[in-house]
PDB file of N, CA and C in Angstrom:
ATOM      1  N   MET A   1     -44.281  46.973-110.122  1.00  0.00           N
ATOM      2  CA  MET A   1     -44.156  46.955-108.687  1.00  0.00           C
ATOM      3  C   MET A   1     -45.499  46.665-108.038  1.00  0.00           C
ATOM      4  N   GLY A   2     -45.466  45.837-107.006  1.00  0.00           N
ATOM      5  CA  GLY A   2     -46.700  45.511-106.319  1.00  0.00           C
ATOM      6  C   GLY A   2     -47.518  44.444-107.017  1.00  0.00           C
ATOM      7  N   ARG A   3     -47.064  44.054-108.186  1.00  0.00           N
ATOM      8  CA  ARG A   3     -47.789  43.029-108.932  1.00  0.00           C
ATOM      9  C   ARG A   3     -47.059  41.704-108.767  1.00  0.00           C
ATOM     10  N   LEU A   4     -47.820  40.657-108.511  1.00  0.00           N
ATOM     11  CA  LEU A   4     -47.210  39.342-108.344  1.00  0.00           C
ATOM     12  C   LEU A   4     -46.784  38.762-109.686  1.00  0.00           C
ATOM     13  N   GLU A   5     -45.752  37.995-109.656  1.00  0.00           N
ATOM     14  CA  GLU A   5     -45.332  37.248-110.835  1.00  0.00           C
ATOM     15  C   GLU A   5     -46.329  36.111-111.071  1.00  0.00           C
ATOM     16  N   PRO A   6     -46.403  35.561-112.283  1.00  0.00           N
ATOM     17  CA  PRO A   6     -47.315  34.456-112.545  1.00  0.00           C
ATOM     18  C   PRO A   6     -47.126  33.290-111.569  1.00  0.00           C
ATOM     19  N   GLN A   7     -45.876  32.994-111.208  1.00  0.00           N
ATOM     20  CA  GLN A   7     -45.631  31.908-110.272  1.00  0.00           C
ATOM     21  C   GLN A   7     -46.214  32.245-108.896  1.00  0.00           C
ATOM     22  N   GLY A   8     -46.130  33.505-108.520  1.00  0.00           N
ATOM     23  CA  GLY A   8     -46.682  33.942-107.235  1.00  0.00           C
ATOM     24  C   GLY A   8     -48.184  33.806-107.200  1.00  0.00           C
ATOM     25  N   ASP A   9     -48.844  34.166-108.301  1.00  0.00           N
ATOM     26  CA  ASP A   9     -50.295  34.015-108.395  1.00  0.00           C
ATOM     27  C   ASP A   9     -50.682  32.549-108.265  1.00  0.00           C
ATOM     28  N   LEU A  10     -49.952  31.681-108.930  1.00  0.00           N
ATOM     29  CA  LEU A  10     -50.240  30.248-108.887  1.00  0.00           C
ATOM     30  C   LEU A  10     -50.040  29.694-107.486  1.00  0.00           C
ATOM     31  N   MET A  11     -48.979  30.141-106.817  1.00  0.00           N
ATOM     32  CA  MET A  11     -48.717  29.683-105.451  1.00  0.00           C
ATOM     33  C   MET A  11     -49.836  30.116-104.510  1.00  0.00           C
ATOM     34  N   LEU A  12     -50.346  31.333-104.684  1.00  0.00           N
ATOM     35  CA  LEU A  12     -51.421  31.836-103.847  1.00  0.00           C
ATOM     36  C   LEU A  12     -52.693  31.024-104.061  1.00  0.00           C
ATOM     37  N   ILE A  13     -53.022  30.736-105.313  1.00  0.00           N
ATOM     38  CA  ILE A  13     -54.198  29.929-105.632  1.00  0.00           C
ATOM     39  C   ILE A  13     -54.033  28.530-105.068  1.00  0.00           C
ATOM     40  N   SER A  14     -52.844  27.969-105.203  1.00  0.00           N
ATOM     41  CA  SER A  14     -52.568  26.629-104.698  1.00  0.00           C
ATOM     42  C   SER A  14     -52.751  26.569-103.185  1.00  0.00           C
ATOM     43  N   LYS A  15     -52.251  27.562-102.474  1.00  0.00           N
ATOM     44  CA  LYS A  15     -52.371  27.602-101.012  1.00  0.00           C
ATOM     45  C   LYS A  15     -53.831  27.697-100.591  1.00  0.00           C
ATOM     46  N   ARG A  16     -54.602  28.512-101.281  1.00  0.00           N
ATOM     47  CA  ARG A  16     -56.029  28.640-100.958  1.00  0.00           C
ATOM     48  C   ARG A  16     -56.758  27.331-101.222  1.00  0.00           C
ATOM     49  N   THR A  17     -56.412  26.658-102.310  1.00  0.00           N
ATOM     50  CA  THR A  17     -57.036  25.376-102.636  1.00  0.00           C
ATOM     51  C   THR A  17     -56.688  24.337-101.577  1.00  0.00           C
ATOM     52  N   GLN A  18     -55.432  24.299-101.148  1.00  0.00           N
ATOM     53  CA  GLN A  18     -55.016  23.355-100.115  1.00  0.00           C
ATOM     54  C   GLN A  18     -55.785  23.597 -98.818  1.00  0.00           C
ATOM     55  N   THR A  19     -55.961  24.854 -98.458  1.00  0.00           N
ATOM     56  CA  THR A  19     -56.696  25.189 -97.234  1.00  0.00           C
ATOM     57  C   THR A  19     -58.141  24.736 -97.346  1.00  0.00           C
ATOM     58  N   PHE A  20     -58.755  24.957 -98.494  1.00  0.00           N
ATOM     59  CA  PHE A  20     -60.148  24.563 -98.714  1.00  0.00           C
ATOM     60  C   PHE A  20     -60.304  23.046 -98.617  1.00  0.00           C
ATOM     61  N   VAL A  21     -59.420  22.303 -99.272  1.00  0.00           N
ATOM     62  CA  VAL A  21     -59.472  20.837 -99.244  1.00  0.00           C
ATOM     63  C   VAL A  21     -59.247  20.333 -97.825  1.00  0.00           C
ATOM     64  N   TYR A  22     -58.299  20.924 -97.107  1.00  0.00           N
ATOM     65  CA  TYR A  22     -58.033  20.532 -95.728  1.00  0.00           C
ATOM     66  C   TYR A  22     -59.279  20.718 -94.869  1.00  0.00           C
ATOM     67  N   GLN A  23     -59.967  21.837 -95.023  1.00  0.00           N
ATOM     68  CA  GLN A  23     -61.159  22.097 -94.218  1.00  0.00           C
ATOM     69  C   GLN A  23     -62.255  21.077 -94.499  1.00  0.00           C
ATOM     70  N   ILE A  24     -62.420  20.694 -95.757  1.00  0.00           N
ATOM     71  CA  ILE A  24     -63.430  19.690 -96.113  1.00  0.00           C
ATOM     72  C   ILE A  24     -63.077  18.344 -95.501  1.00  0.00           C
ATOM     73  N   LEU A  25     -61.818  17.922 -95.644  1.00  0.00           N
ATOM     74  CA  LEU A  25     -61.399  16.636 -95.091  1.00  0.00           C
ATOM     75  C   LEU A  25     -61.504  16.626 -93.570  1.00  0.00           C
ATOM     76  N   TYR A  26     -61.125  17.717 -92.929  1.00  0.00           N
ATOM     77  CA  TYR A  26     -61.207  17.808 -91.476  1.00  0.00           C
ATOM     78  C   TYR A  26     -62.655  17.650 -91.011  1.00  0.00           C
ATOM     79  N   ALA A  27     -63.565  18.329 -91.672  1.00  0.00           N
ATOM     80  CA  ALA A  27     -64.979  18.251 -91.301  1.00  0.00           C
ATOM     81  C   ALA A  27     -65.509  16.846 -91.513  1.00  0.00           C
ATOM     82  N   ASP A  28     -65.119  16.208 -92.605  1.00  0.00           N
ATOM     83  CA  ASP A  28     -65.592  14.857 -92.898  1.00  0.00           C
ATOM     84  C   ASP A  28     -65.087  13.856 -91.860  1.00  0.00           C
ATOM     85  N   VAL A  29     -63.821  13.939 -91.512  1.00  0.00           N
ATOM     86  CA  VAL A  29     -63.252  13.036 -90.509  1.00  0.00           C
ATOM     87  C   VAL A  29     -63.880  13.305 -89.146  1.00  0.00           C
ATOM     88  N   SER A  30     -64.071  14.553 -88.796  1.00  0.00           N
ATOM     89  CA  SER A  30     -64.670  14.896 -87.508  1.00  0.00           C
ATOM     90  C   SER A  30     -66.080  14.332 -87.384  1.00  0.00           C
ATOM     91  N   ASN A  31     -66.815  14.330 -88.469  1.00  0.00           N
ATOM     92  CA  ASN A  31     -68.181  13.809 -88.444  1.00  0.00           C
ATOM     93  C   ASN A  31     -68.222  12.292 -88.292  1.00  0.00           C
ATOM     94  N   CYS A  32     -67.148  11.602 -88.653  1.00  0.00           N
ATOM     95  CA  CYS A  32     -67.124  10.135 -88.616  1.00  0.00           C
ATOM     96  C   CYS A  32     -66.438   9.566 -87.378  1.00  0.00           C
ATOM     97  N   LEU A  33     -65.936  10.403 -86.490  1.00  0.00           N
ATOM     98  CA  LEU A  33     -65.205   9.907 -85.328  1.00  0.00           C
ATOM     99  C   LEU A  33     -66.024   8.973 -84.438  1.00  0.00           C
ATOM    100  N   PRO A  34     -67.293   9.247 -84.169  1.00  0.00           N
ATOM    101  CA  PRO A  34     -68.044   8.307 -83.329  1.00  0.00           C
ATOM    102  C   PRO A  34     -68.134   6.903 -83.946  1.00  0.00           C
ATOM    103  N   GLU A  35     -68.337   6.823 -85.256  1.00  0.00           N
ATOM    104  CA  GLU A  35     -68.403   5.520 -85.916  1.00  0.00           C
ATOM    105  C   GLU A  35     -67.049   4.809 -85.856  1.00  0.00           C
ATOM    106  N   TYR A  36     -65.983   5.566 -86.064  1.00  0.00           N
ATOM    107  CA  TYR A  36     -64.635   5.006 -85.994  1.00  0.00           C
ATOM    108  C   TYR A  36     -64.368   4.460 -84.590  1.00  0.00           C
ATOM    109  N   ALA A  37     -64.726   5.212 -83.574  1.00  0.00           N
ATOM    110  CA  ALA A  37     -64.512   4.776 -82.193  1.00  0.00           C
ATOM    111  C   ALA A  37     -65.306   3.507 -81.890  1.00  0.00           C
ATOM    112  N   THR A  38     -66.516   3.414 -82.396  1.00  0.00           N
ATOM    113  CA  THR A  38     -67.335   2.221 -82.180  1.00  0.00           C
ATOM    114  C   THR A  38     -66.683   0.996 -82.811  1.00  0.00           C
ATOM    115  N   LEU A  39     -66.227   1.137 -84.051  1.00  0.00           N
ATOM    116  CA  LEU A  39     -65.583   0.006 -84.726  1.00  0.00           C
ATOM    117  C   LEU A  39     -64.293  -0.398 -84.020  1.00  0.00           C
ATOM    118  N   LYS A  40     -63.515   0.580 -83.547  1.00  0.00           N
ATOM    119  CA  LYS A  40     -62.297   0.264 -82.800  1.00  0.00           C
ATOM    120  C   LYS A  40     -62.640  -0.481 -81.514  1.00  0.00           C
ATOM    121  N   ALA A  41     -63.705  -0.079 -80.822  1.00  0.00           N
ATOM    122  CA  ALA A  41     -64.122  -0.733 -79.583  1.00  0.00           C
ATOM    123  C   ALA A  41     -64.599  -2.160 -79.848  1.00  0.00           C
ATOM    124  N   MET A  42     -65.113  -2.406 -81.051  1.00  0.00           N
ATOM    125  CA  MET A  42     -65.555  -3.745 -81.414  1.00  0.00           C
ATOM    126  C   MET A  42     -64.387  -4.648 -81.805  1.00  0.00           C
ATOM    127  N   GLY A  43     -63.183  -4.077 -81.915  1.00  0.00           N
ATOM    128  CA  GLY A  43     -62.011  -4.889 -82.174  1.00  0.00           C
ATOM    129  C   GLY A  43     -61.443  -4.800 -83.574  1.00  0.00           C
ATOM    130  N   TYR A  44     -61.958  -3.914 -84.407  1.00  0.00           N
ATOM    131  CA  TYR A  44     -61.414  -3.764 -85.754  1.00  0.00           C
ATOM    132  C   TYR A  44     -60.007  -3.176 -85.675  1.00  0.00           C
ATOM    133  N   SER A  45     -59.115  -3.672 -86.532  1.00  0.00           N
ATOM    134  CA  SER A  45     -57.742  -3.157 -86.548  1.00  0.00           C
ATOM    135  C   SER A  45     -57.675  -1.885 -87.387  1.00  0.00           C
ATOM    136  N   ASP A  46     -56.574  -1.148 -87.218  1.00  0.00           N
ATOM    137  CA  ASP A  46     -56.367   0.065 -88.021  1.00  0.00           C
ATOM    138  C   ASP A  46     -56.302  -0.286 -89.504  1.00  0.00           C
ATOM    139  N   LEU A  47     -55.681  -1.421 -89.817  1.00  0.00           N
ATOM    140  CA  LEU A  47     -55.551  -1.827 -91.211  1.00  0.00           C
ATOM    141  C   LEU A  47     -56.918  -2.110 -91.837  1.00  0.00           C
ATOM    142  N   SER A  48     -57.789  -2.783 -91.104  1.00  0.00           N
ATOM    143  CA  SER A  48     -59.110  -3.089 -91.673  1.00  0.00           C
ATOM    144  C   SER A  48     -59.966  -1.843 -91.841  1.00  0.00           C
ATOM    145  N   LEU A  49     -59.727  -0.822 -91.031  1.00  0.00           N
ATOM    146  CA  LEU A  49     -60.512   0.416 -91.123  1.00  0.00           C
ATOM    147  C   LEU A  49     -59.966   1.378 -92.176  1.00  0.00           C
ATOM    148  N   SER A  50     -58.770   1.117 -92.667  1.00  0.00           N
ATOM    149  CA  SER A  50     -58.164   2.039 -93.628  1.00  0.00           C
ATOM    150  C   SER A  50     -58.650   1.799 -95.054  1.00  0.00           C
ATOM    151  N   PHE A  51     -59.368   0.721 -95.267  1.00  0.00           N
ATOM    152  CA  PHE A  51     -59.855   0.436 -96.629  1.00  0.00           C
ATOM    153  C   PHE A  51     -61.302   0.685 -96.770  1.00  0.00           C
TER     154      PHE A  51
END
């Protein structure tokens, strides 16, 4: 009682990992927004910026 099943432990670790990865990606994208806006203002398409 009170002890998680192995699947529960894995789900908890997975959720924490997803949160960590999300925070890293969010910070990286946030830091690049000014450059993205500049390229969009210069006329680059979404497709050309996705690669």
